Amino acid sequence: MKRAWLLPLLLIALPVLAADLPVKPSGTLIDFRVDVQTSVPNDLGRATAFAEMTGADPAEVARKVKAALADGLATAKAQTGLTVKSGATHTYPIYAKGGRSIEGWRMRSELVLESRDATALSTTLGKLQGTLGVSNINFSPAPETRRKAEEDATLEAIDAFRAKAERIAATMNKPFRIRQMNVSGGGHAPPTPMYRAATMAVESAPMPVEAGESNISVGISGQIELID
């Protein structure tokens, strides 16, 4: 008797629960996919400049590397439109023949340069080549550029999915409803590698670079129901 009050509540809740259940398809189901691809500029350049020295005295090697890197850092920081930060530093023993004793040391220390101004980056790299090596130059879309391109491509893909659904339904001369849509995307080409160079004896002219473009792709797979 104490639970008799539950029955009216259950009777009220049942229609609500039934309304939340997915509608059982009564017409023909069709699955398909559309893909949209767009090109975006590689508007962010990154490069690594490094000092690498070898010698018998590890302290002397470290001193020379630090001095060369300090000069490079000052040169890079003097350029507007460019950010620079310290990169990795590695010290390796050099073993004598047979590998039983250490006969020297090699040290490498890096600066990482980044800019959305290709001219500023190429000019700085040209100056740095007088004392430092340059490697791993690549260009890719900046995060905000890629994000905006992905959002635009997603909206375009949704429009393309609906347009294709309308064409299918029109061919069958039936109304339709979209039952499911799955968005997948964000795919893009890897950063564009541009150049690798060893240390040069004299200062170079601005390094020629071409940023190029990357492809952003978004796909939508889904299902429509042709209503009988």
Protein backbone atom coordinates (compact mmCIF):
# COMPACT_ATOMS: atom_id res chain seq x y z
CA MET A 1 0.00 0.00 0.00
CA LYS A 2 2.88 2.33 0.72
CA ARG A 3 3.99 2.09 -2.92
CA ALA A 4 0.61 2.65 -4.53
CA TRP A 5 1.50 6.32 -5.17
CA LEU A 6 4.27 5.22 -7.58
CA LEU A 7 1.82 3.96 -10.23
CA PRO A 8 0.51 7.41 -11.32
CA LEU A 9 4.09 8.69 -11.59
CA LEU A 10 5.10 5.73 -13.76
CA LEU A 11 2.11 6.26 -16.04
CA ILE A 12 3.13 9.90 -16.46
CA ALA A 13 6.80 9.03 -17.12
CA LEU A 14 6.18 6.32 -19.73
CA PRO A 15 5.05 8.68 -22.53
CA VAL A 16 8.05 10.90 -21.87
CA LEU A 17 10.45 7.95 -22.09
CA ALA A 18 8.77 6.69 -25.22
CA ALA A 19 9.18 10.09 -26.85
CA ASP A 20 12.95 9.95 -26.20
CA LEU A 21 13.39 6.61 -27.97
CA PRO A 22 14.86 6.78 -31.51
CA VAL A 23 12.27 6.65 -34.25
CA LYS A 24 12.28 3.24 -35.92
CA PRO A 25 12.97 3.71 -39.63
CA SER A 26 10.04 2.94 -41.89
CA GLY A 27 11.66 3.86 -45.22
CA THR A 28 14.83 3.10 -47.16
CA LEU A 29 18.11 3.87 -45.41
CA ILE A 30 21.05 5.19 -47.45
CA ASP A 31 24.60 5.65 -46.15
CA PHE A 32 27.11 7.88 -47.93
CA ARG A 33 30.07 10.15 -47.37
CA VAL A 34 31.26 13.51 -48.65
CA ASP A 35 34.74 14.99 -48.41
CA VAL A 36 35.86 18.60 -48.63
CA GLN A 37 39.44 19.74 -49.10
CA THR A 38 40.77 23.28 -48.95
CA SER A 39 44.21 24.85 -49.26
CA VAL A 40 45.58 27.17 -46.58
CA PRO A 41 48.81 29.17 -46.56
CA ASN A 42 51.77 27.91 -44.57
CA ASP A 43 52.06 31.16 -42.66
CA LEU A 44 54.30 30.01 -39.80
CA GLY A 45 57.97 29.25 -40.36
CA ARG A 46 60.25 27.40 -37.96
CA ALA A 47 63.98 26.75 -38.17
CA THR A 48 66.79 25.44 -36.02
CA ALA A 49 70.20 27.11 -35.82
CA PHE A 50 72.95 25.26 -34.00
CA ALA A 51 76.53 25.47 -32.79
CA GLU A 52 78.52 22.25 -32.83
CA MET A 53 82.11 21.89 -31.65
CA THR A 54 84.54 19.03 -31.05
CA GLY A 55 87.65 18.97 -28.83
CA ALA A 56 89.62 17.12 -26.23
CA ASP A 57 88.73 19.48 -23.36
CA PRO A 58 84.98 19.39 -22.60
CA ALA A 59 85.11 22.71 -20.77
CA GLU A 60 86.73 24.44 -23.74
CA VAL A 61 84.22 22.87 -26.12
CA ALA A 62 81.34 24.10 -23.94
CA ARG A 63 82.83 27.60 -23.78
CA LYS A 64 83.11 27.87 -27.57
CA VAL A 65 79.59 26.53 -28.13
CA LYS A 66 78.09 28.91 -25.61
CA ALA A 67 79.94 31.88 -27.12
CA ALA A 68 78.77 31.05 -30.65
CA LEU A 69 75.21 30.53 -29.44
CA ALA A 70 75.22 33.81 -27.50
CA ASP A 71 76.27 35.69 -30.65
CA GLY A 72 73.54 33.95 -32.63
CA LEU A 73 70.94 34.71 -29.98
CA ALA A 74 71.84 38.41 -30.03
CA THR A 75 71.57 38.48 -33.83
CA ALA A 76 68.19 36.74 -33.82
CA LYS A 77 66.72 38.90 -31.05
CA ALA A 78 67.67 42.04 -32.97
CA GLN A 79 65.30 41.02 -35.80
CA THR A 80 61.72 42.23 -35.45
CA GLY A 81 58.84 39.91 -36.27
CA LEU A 82 60.67 36.84 -35.02
CA THR A 83 60.74 34.87 -31.78
CA VAL A 84 63.71 32.82 -30.62
CA LYS A 85 64.25 30.40 -27.75
CA SER A 86 66.88 27.95 -26.61
CA GLY A 87 66.58 24.46 -28.01
CA ALA A 88 68.18 21.14 -27.12
CA THR A 89 71.79 20.77 -25.95
CA HIS A 90 73.69 17.48 -26.25
CA THR A 91 77.21 16.45 -25.31
CA TYR A 92 78.69 13.22 -26.69
CA PRO A 93 81.95 11.42 -25.89
CA ILE A 94 84.17 10.52 -28.82
CA TYR A 95 85.78 7.13 -28.30
CA ALA A 96 89.18 6.08 -29.52
CA LYS A 97 89.46 3.23 -31.95
CA GLY A 98 88.29 0.11 -30.20
CA GLY A 99 85.93 2.05 -27.95
CA ARG A 100 87.92 1.58 -24.75
CA SER A 101 88.82 5.20 -23.98
CA ILE A 102 87.43 8.67 -24.61
CA GLU A 103 89.63 10.81 -26.84
CA GLY A 104 87.37 13.86 -27.20
CA TRP A 105 83.97 15.47 -26.82
CA ARG A 106 81.36 16.81 -29.19
CA MET A 107 78.74 19.33 -28.07
CA ARG A 108 75.75 20.65 -29.97
CA SER A 109 73.39 23.37 -28.77
CA GLU A 110 70.40 24.80 -30.65
CA LEU A 111 68.29 27.91 -31.08
CA VAL A 112 64.72 27.58 -32.32
CA LEU A 113 63.44 30.43 -34.47
CA GLU A 114 59.79 31.03 -35.34
CA SER A 115 58.09 33.72 -37.40
CA ARG A 116 55.00 34.46 -39.47
CA ASP A 117 57.15 36.75 -41.59
CA ALA A 118 59.07 34.64 -44.13
CA THR A 119 61.29 37.60 -45.04
CA ALA A 120 62.33 38.18 -41.43
CA LEU A 121 63.08 34.48 -41.00
CA SER A 122 65.13 34.18 -44.21
CA THR A 123 67.09 37.37 -43.43
CA THR A 124 67.97 36.18 -39.94
CA LEU A 125 68.99 32.72 -41.14
CA GLY A 126 71.27 34.31 -43.71
CA LYS A 127 73.02 36.30 -40.97
CA LEU A 128 73.28 33.33 -38.63
CA GLN A 129 75.02 31.16 -41.21
CA GLY A 130 78.18 33.15 -40.63
CA THR A 131 78.74 31.37 -37.31
CA LEU A 132 76.00 28.76 -36.89
CA GLY A 133 74.64 25.83 -38.80
CA VAL A 134 71.02 25.90 -39.99
CA SER A 135 68.72 22.90 -40.19
CA ASN A 136 65.11 21.76 -40.10
CA ILE A 137 63.45 24.71 -41.79
CA ASN A 138 59.76 24.05 -42.32
CA PHE A 139 56.53 25.93 -42.88
CA SER A 140 53.02 25.04 -41.74
CA PRO A 141 49.71 26.82 -41.05
CA ALA A 142 49.66 28.72 -37.76
CA PRO A 143 47.28 27.14 -35.19
CA GLU A 144 44.64 29.86 -35.61
CA THR A 145 44.90 29.58 -39.42
CA ARG A 146 44.39 25.82 -39.31
CA ARG A 147 41.52 26.10 -36.82
CA LYS A 148 39.66 28.65 -38.97
CA ALA A 149 40.21 26.55 -42.10
CA GLU A 150 38.88 23.42 -40.36
CA GLU A 151 35.78 25.26 -39.15
CA ASP A 152 35.06 26.63 -42.65
CA ALA A 153 35.67 23.23 -44.25
CA THR A 154 33.31 21.57 -41.74
CA LEU A 155 30.48 23.96 -42.62
CA GLU A 156 31.15 23.41 -46.31
CA ALA A 157 31.08 19.64 -45.79
CA ILE A 158 27.74 19.86 -43.96
CA ASP A 159 26.29 21.84 -46.87
CA ALA A 160 27.71 19.28 -49.31
CA PHE A 161 26.19 16.40 -47.32
CA ARG A 162 22.75 18.00 -47.30
CA ALA A 163 22.99 18.85 -51.00
CA LYS A 164 23.85 15.25 -51.87
CA ALA A 165 21.01 13.98 -49.67
CA GLU A 166 18.59 16.27 -51.53
CA ARG A 167 19.81 15.00 -54.91
CA ILE A 168 19.39 11.37 -53.83
CA ALA A 169 15.89 12.00 -52.49
CA ALA A 170 14.91 13.95 -55.61
CA THR A 171 16.09 11.06 -57.82
CA MET A 172 13.90 8.69 -55.84
CA ASN A 173 11.06 11.25 -55.76
CA LYS A 174 10.73 10.91 -51.99
CA PRO A 175 11.13 13.20 -48.98
CA PHE A 176 13.97 12.42 -46.61
CA ARG A 177 15.33 13.05 -43.17
CA ILE A 178 18.91 12.92 -41.91
CA ARG A 179 19.27 10.20 -39.32
CA GLN A 180 22.99 10.41 -38.58
CA MET A 181 26.06 12.52 -39.36
CA ASN A 182 29.66 11.89 -38.29
CA VAL A 183 32.30 14.56 -38.86
CA SER A 184 35.91 13.50 -39.28
CA GLY A 185 38.68 15.79 -40.34
CA GLY A 186 41.48 18.06 -39.41
CA GLY A 187 43.71 16.12 -41.78
CA HIS A 188 46.51 18.18 -43.25
CA ALA A 189 49.81 17.79 -45.01
CA PRO A 190 52.92 17.66 -42.80
CA PRO A 191 55.06 20.80 -42.49
CA THR A 192 56.96 21.63 -45.66
CA PRO A 193 60.69 21.00 -45.17
CA MET A 194 62.74 23.65 -46.90
CA TYR A 195 66.46 23.49 -46.21
CA ARG A 196 69.34 21.97 -44.31
CA ALA A 197 72.80 23.53 -44.20
CA ALA A 198 76.11 23.20 -42.40
CA THR A 199 77.99 26.09 -40.83
CA MET A 200 79.38 28.49 -43.46
CA ALA A 201 82.58 30.49 -43.21
CA VAL A 202 81.08 33.88 -44.07
CA GLU A 203 77.76 35.60 -43.62
CA SER A 204 75.23 34.67 -46.32
CA ALA A 205 72.61 36.69 -48.10
CA PRO A 206 68.95 36.16 -47.06
CA MET A 207 68.09 32.52 -47.54
CA PRO A 208 65.48 31.97 -50.28
CA VAL A 209 62.38 30.26 -48.90
CA GLU A 210 58.94 29.42 -50.26
CA ALA A 211 56.27 28.74 -47.66
CA GLY A 212 53.69 27.12 -49.95
CA GLU A 213 50.33 25.77 -48.83
CA SER A 214 48.87 22.84 -46.92
CA ASN A 215 45.68 20.90 -47.56
CA ILE A 216 43.00 20.69 -44.88
CA SER A 217 40.38 17.98 -45.34
CA VAL A 218 37.08 17.29 -43.59
CA GLY A 219 34.78 14.35 -44.25
CA ILE A 220 31.20 13.66 -43.21
CA SER A 221 29.72 10.18 -43.27
CA GLY A 222 26.09 9.73 -42.43
CA GLN A 223 22.74 8.16 -43.10
CA ILE A 224 19.49 9.43 -44.51
CA GLU A 225 16.07 7.83 -44.59
CA LEU A 226 13.87 8.08 -47.65
CA ILE A 227 10.36 8.39 -46.27
CA ASP A 228 7.70 6.21 -47.90
